[in-house]
């Protein structure tokens, strides 16, 4: 329960920082708004923030809906991955432009490290899933059945 609360608050704060940074950048700098990832980052982050807030206010309904429609859960995972990749590309484009008004903000530094850490974690997760799939698919069926019985 505590980890769910912490992760939810962390996601809300991070999405809020992303949205506030993009909005601040749009008012301060005309050059950085020309980065092609700006609008995508804003819309995907707003979608994910709404998804988190709906999950807070309607947890049972959302859980039931996602169990009945797993395709939407897959879409949410894809939007999360796309959001992180676009955030990473956006921050790197800002670092290349070296705009003094936008790149010297603490939010950009936070988002840069946040995007890197999350991408590394996604990469580790993918490698572990591929490894587990490879190892389990190479086992004979009778050994795999024995492993399943032992775990129960």
C-alpha atoms as a PDB file:
ATOM      1  CA  UNK A   1       0.000   0.000   0.000  1.00  0.00           C
ATOM      2  CA  UNK A   2       2.810   2.405   0.883  1.00  0.00           C
ATOM      3  CA  UNK A   3       4.722   1.603  -2.306  1.00  0.00           C
ATOM      4  CA  UNK A   4       1.568   2.206  -4.395  1.00  0.00           C
ATOM      5  CA  UNK A   5       1.026   5.543  -2.675  1.00  0.00           C
ATOM      6  CA  UNK A   6       4.664   6.544  -3.153  1.00  0.00           C
ATOM      7  CA  UNK A   7       4.739   5.522  -6.822  1.00  0.00           C
ATOM      8  CA  UNK A   8       1.457   7.306  -7.526  1.00  0.00           C
ATOM      9  CA  UNK A   9       2.615  10.525  -5.898  1.00  0.00           C
ATOM     10  CA  UNK A  10       5.960  10.238  -7.709  1.00  0.00           C
ATOM     11  CA  UNK A  11       4.224   9.792 -11.074  1.00  0.00           C
ATOM     12  CA  UNK A  12       1.894  12.743 -10.457  1.00  0.00           C
ATOM     13  CA  UNK A  13       4.791  14.992  -9.444  1.00  0.00           C
ATOM     14  CA  UNK A  14       6.937  13.905 -12.393  1.00  0.00           C
ATOM     15  CA  UNK A  15       4.137  14.370 -14.913  1.00  0.00           C
ATOM     16  CA  UNK A  16       3.387  17.748 -13.341  1.00  0.00           C
ATOM     17  CA  UNK A  17       7.040  18.769 -13.701  1.00  0.00           C
ATOM     18  CA  UNK A  18       7.041  17.710 -17.362  1.00  0.00           C
ATOM     19  CA  UNK A  19       3.849  19.643 -18.119  1.00  0.00           C
ATOM     20  CA  UNK A  20       4.986  22.731 -16.188  1.00  0.00           C
ATOM     21  CA  UNK A  21       8.372  22.674 -17.916  1.00  0.00           C
ATOM     22  CA  UNK A  22       6.872  22.413 -21.393  1.00  0.00           C
ATOM     23  CA  UNK A  23       4.367  25.191 -20.645  1.00  0.00           C
ATOM     24  CA  UNK A  24       7.111  27.409 -19.168  1.00  0.00           C
ATOM     25  CA  UNK A  25       9.298  26.757 -22.164  1.00  0.00           C
ATOM     26  CA  UNK A  26       6.472  27.699 -24.550  1.00  0.00           C
ATOM     27  CA  UNK A  27       6.132  31.110 -22.891  1.00  0.00           C
ATOM     28  CA  UNK A  28       9.850  31.862 -22.508  1.00  0.00           C
ATOM     29  CA  UNK A  29      11.475  30.523 -25.632  1.00  0.00           C
ATOM     30  CA  UNK A  30      10.342  30.440 -29.229  1.00  0.00           C
ATOM     31  CA  UNK A  31      13.237  28.295 -30.403  1.00  0.00           C
ATOM     32  CA  UNK A  32      12.665  25.346 -28.085  1.00  0.00           C
ATOM     33  CA  UNK A  33       9.003  25.127 -29.027  1.00  0.00           C
ATOM     34  CA  UNK A  34      10.154  24.260 -32.566  1.00  0.00           C
ATOM     35  CA  UNK A  35      11.480  20.922 -31.300  1.00  0.00           C
ATOM     36  CA  UNK A  36       9.190  18.373 -32.940  1.00  0.00           C
ATOM     37  CA  UNK A  37       8.769  16.279 -29.764  1.00  0.00           C
ATOM     38  CA  UNK A  38       7.318  19.194 -27.757  1.00  0.00           C
ATOM     39  CA  UNK A  39       3.647  18.701 -28.616  1.00  0.00           C
ATOM     40  CA  UNK A  40       3.841  14.906 -28.479  1.00  0.00           C
ATOM     41  CA  UNK A  41       5.459  15.092 -25.049  1.00  0.00           C
ATOM     42  CA  UNK A  42       2.768  17.439 -23.785  1.00  0.00           C
ATOM     43  CA  UNK A  43      -0.159  15.337 -25.039  1.00  0.00           C
ATOM     44  CA  UNK A  44       1.239  11.960 -23.955  1.00  0.00           C
ATOM     45  CA  UNK A  45       2.126  13.274 -20.504  1.00  0.00           C
ATOM     46  CA  UNK A  46      -1.325  14.833 -20.117  1.00  0.00           C
ATOM     47  CA  UNK A  47      -2.899  11.495 -21.109  1.00  0.00           C
ATOM     48  CA  UNK A  48      -0.796   9.622 -18.543  1.00  0.00           C
ATOM     49  CA  UNK A  49      -1.584  12.171 -15.832  1.00  0.00           C
ATOM     50  CA  UNK A  50      -5.309  11.790 -16.497  1.00  0.00           C
ATOM     51  CA  UNK A  51      -4.879   7.997 -16.420  1.00  0.00           C
ATOM     52  CA  UNK A  52      -3.209   8.182 -12.990  1.00  0.00           C
ATOM     53  CA  UNK A  53      -5.864  10.532 -11.615  1.00  0.00           C
ATOM     54  CA  UNK A  54      -8.689   8.316 -12.880  1.00  0.00           C
ATOM     55  CA  UNK A  55      -6.952   5.367 -11.223  1.00  0.00           C
ATOM     56  CA  UNK A  56      -6.910   7.272  -7.930  1.00  0.00           C
ATOM     57  CA  UNK A  57     -10.559   8.284  -7.995  1.00  0.00           C
ATOM     58  CA  UNK A  58     -12.002   5.090  -9.516  1.00  0.00           C
ATOM     59  CA  UNK A  59      -9.608   2.253  -8.603  1.00  0.00           C
ATOM     60  CA  UNK A  60     -12.104  -0.638  -8.602  1.00  0.00           C
ATOM     61  CA  UNK A  61     -13.791   0.401 -11.824  1.00  0.00           C
ATOM     62  CA  UNK A  62     -10.464   0.825 -13.609  1.00  0.00           C
ATOM     63  CA  UNK A  63      -9.160  -2.530 -12.364  1.00  0.00           C
ATOM     64  CA  UNK A  64     -12.343  -4.271 -13.534  1.00  0.00           C
ATOM     65  CA  UNK A  65     -12.214  -2.487 -16.888  1.00  0.00           C
ATOM     66  CA  UNK A  66      -8.554  -3.420 -17.488  1.00  0.00           C
ATOM     67  CA  UNK A  67      -9.145  -7.056 -16.521  1.00  0.00           C
ATOM     68  CA  UNK A  68     -12.047  -7.259 -18.965  1.00  0.00           C
ATOM     69  CA  UNK A  69     -10.156  -5.314 -21.687  1.00  0.00           C
ATOM     70  CA  UNK A  70      -6.426  -6.134 -21.498  1.00  0.00           C
ATOM     71  CA  UNK A  71      -5.852  -4.402 -24.823  1.00  0.00           C
ATOM     72  CA  UNK A  72      -6.200  -1.029 -23.083  1.00  0.00           C
ATOM     73  CA  UNK A  73      -3.534  -2.018 -20.563  1.00  0.00           C
ATOM     74  CA  UNK A  74      -1.242  -2.804 -23.489  1.00  0.00           C
ATOM     75  CA  UNK A  75      -2.000   0.634 -24.956  1.00  0.00           C
ATOM     76  CA  UNK A  76      -1.155   2.321 -21.635  1.00  0.00           C
ATOM     77  CA  UNK A  77       2.172   0.461 -21.487  1.00  0.00           C
ATOM     78  CA  UNK A  78       2.972   1.540 -25.058  1.00  0.00           C
ATOM     79  CA  UNK A  79       2.075   5.157 -24.250  1.00  0.00           C
ATOM     80  CA  UNK A  80       4.373   5.020 -21.192  1.00  0.00           C
ATOM     81  CA  UNK A  81       7.251   3.700 -23.298  1.00  0.00           C
ATOM     82  CA  UNK A  82       6.612   6.255 -26.042  1.00  0.00           C
ATOM     83  CA  UNK A  83       6.438   9.045 -23.453  1.00  0.00           C
ATOM     84  CA  UNK A  84       9.831   8.114 -21.985  1.00  0.00           C
ATOM     85  CA  UNK A  85      11.466   7.829 -25.412  1.00  0.00           C
ATOM     86  CA  UNK A  86      10.016  11.168 -26.540  1.00  0.00           C
ATOM     87  CA  UNK A  87      11.060  12.792 -23.248  1.00  0.00           C
ATOM     88  CA  UNK A  88      14.606  11.497 -23.724  1.00  0.00           C
ATOM     89  CA  UNK A  89      14.750  12.730 -27.325  1.00  0.00           C
ATOM     90  CA  UNK A  90      13.250  16.081 -26.299  1.00  0.00           C
ATOM     91  CA  UNK A  91      15.798  16.644 -23.528  1.00  0.00           C
ATOM     92  CA  UNK A  92      18.674  15.635 -25.823  1.00  0.00           C
ATOM     93  CA  UNK A  93      17.431  18.060 -28.501  1.00  0.00           C
ATOM     94  CA  UNK A  94      17.367  20.816 -25.900  1.00  0.00           C
ATOM     95  CA  UNK A  95      20.898  19.980 -24.798  1.00  0.00           C
ATOM     96  CA  UNK A  96      22.085  20.166 -28.407  1.00  0.00           C
ATOM     97  CA  UNK A  97      20.409  23.546 -28.926  1.00  0.00           C
ATOM     98  CA  UNK A  98      22.022  24.933 -25.738  1.00  0.00           C
ATOM     99  CA  UNK A  99      19.270  27.474 -25.259  1.00  0.00           C
ATOM    100  CA  UNK A 100      20.316  29.357 -22.123  1.00  0.00           C
ATOM    101  CA  UNK A 101      16.803  30.111 -20.901  1.00  0.00           C
ATOM    102  CA  UNK A 102      15.551  26.547 -21.017  1.00  0.00           C
ATOM    103  CA  UNK A 103      18.546  24.297 -20.476  1.00  0.00           C
ATOM    104  CA  UNK A 104      19.786  25.835 -17.238  1.00  0.00           C
ATOM    105  CA  UNK A 105      16.642  24.928 -15.357  1.00  0.00           C
ATOM    106  CA  UNK A 106      16.628  22.270 -12.617  1.00  0.00           C
ATOM    107  CA  UNK A 107      13.603  20.666 -14.264  1.00  0.00           C
ATOM    108  CA  UNK A 108      15.586  19.833 -17.384  1.00  0.00           C
ATOM    109  CA  UNK A 109      18.316  18.181 -15.317  1.00  0.00           C
ATOM    110  CA  UNK A 110      15.746  16.214 -13.325  1.00  0.00           C
ATOM    111  CA  UNK A 111      13.925  15.069 -16.459  1.00  0.00           C
ATOM    112  CA  UNK A 112      17.194  14.141 -18.160  1.00  0.00           C
ATOM    113  CA  UNK A 113      18.222  11.803 -15.350  1.00  0.00           C
ATOM    114  CA  UNK A 114      14.666  10.535 -14.885  1.00  0.00           C
ATOM    115  CA  UNK A 115      14.410   9.567 -18.571  1.00  0.00           C
ATOM    116  CA  UNK A 116      17.817   7.881 -18.540  1.00  0.00           C
ATOM    117  CA  UNK A 117      17.090   5.851 -15.403  1.00  0.00           C
ATOM    118  CA  UNK A 118      13.682   4.711 -16.644  1.00  0.00           C
ATOM    119  CA  UNK A 119      15.074   3.757 -20.066  1.00  0.00           C
ATOM    120  CA  UNK A 120      17.813   1.728 -18.371  1.00  0.00           C
ATOM    121  CA  UNK A 121      15.207  -0.022 -16.212  1.00  0.00           C
ATOM    122  CA  UNK A 122      13.064  -0.785 -19.280  1.00  0.00           C
ATOM    123  CA  UNK A 123      16.152  -2.186 -21.018  1.00  0.00           C
ATOM    124  CA  UNK A 124      16.998  -4.423 -18.060  1.00  0.00           C
ATOM    125  CA  UNK A 125      13.378  -5.601 -17.930  1.00  0.00           C
ATOM    126  CA  UNK A 126      13.384  -6.484 -21.627  1.00  0.00           C
ATOM    127  CA  UNK A 127      16.680  -8.386 -21.325  1.00  0.00           C
ATOM    128  CA  UNK A 128      15.359 -10.332 -18.325  1.00  0.00           C
ATOM    129  CA  UNK A 129      12.119 -11.191 -20.120  1.00  0.00           C
ATOM    130  CA  UNK A 130      13.997 -12.412 -23.201  1.00  0.00           C
ATOM    131  CA  UNK A 131      16.352 -14.441 -21.021  1.00  0.00           C
ATOM    132  CA  UNK A 132      13.492 -16.027 -19.087  1.00  0.00           C
ATOM    133  CA  UNK A 133      11.610 -16.804 -22.289  1.00  0.00           C
ATOM    134  CA  UNK A 134      14.704 -18.346 -23.854  1.00  0.00           C
ATOM    135  CA  UNK A 135      15.476 -20.475 -20.818  1.00  0.00           C
ATOM    136  CA  UNK A 136      11.901 -21.645 -20.352  1.00  0.00           C
ATOM    137  CA  UNK A 137      11.349 -22.415 -24.023  1.00  0.00           C
ATOM    138  CA  UNK A 138      14.455 -24.617 -24.077  1.00  0.00           C
ATOM    139  CA  UNK A 139      13.236 -26.881 -21.262  1.00  0.00           C
ATOM    140  CA  UNK A 140      11.522 -30.145 -22.146  1.00  0.00           C
ATOM    141  CA  UNK A 141       7.803 -30.167 -21.380  1.00  0.00           C
ATOM    142  CA  UNK A 142       8.099 -32.717 -18.578  1.00  0.00           C
ATOM    143  CA  UNK A 143      10.773 -30.638 -16.768  1.00  0.00           C
ATOM    144  CA  UNK A 144       8.683 -27.484 -17.185  1.00  0.00           C
ATOM    145  CA  UNK A 145       5.631 -29.271 -15.730  1.00  0.00           C
ATOM    146  CA  UNK A 146       7.759 -30.431 -12.803  1.00  0.00           C
ATOM    147  CA  UNK A 147       8.909 -26.857 -12.130  1.00  0.00           C
ATOM    148  CA  UNK A 148       5.334 -25.626 -12.152  1.00  0.00           C
ATOM    149  CA  UNK A 149       4.231 -28.347  -9.709  1.00  0.00           C
ATOM    150  CA  UNK A 150       7.123 -27.552  -7.348  1.00  0.00           C
ATOM    151  CA  UNK A 151       6.242 -23.858  -7.278  1.00  0.00           C
ATOM    152  CA  UNK A 152       2.672 -24.622  -6.163  1.00  0.00           C
END
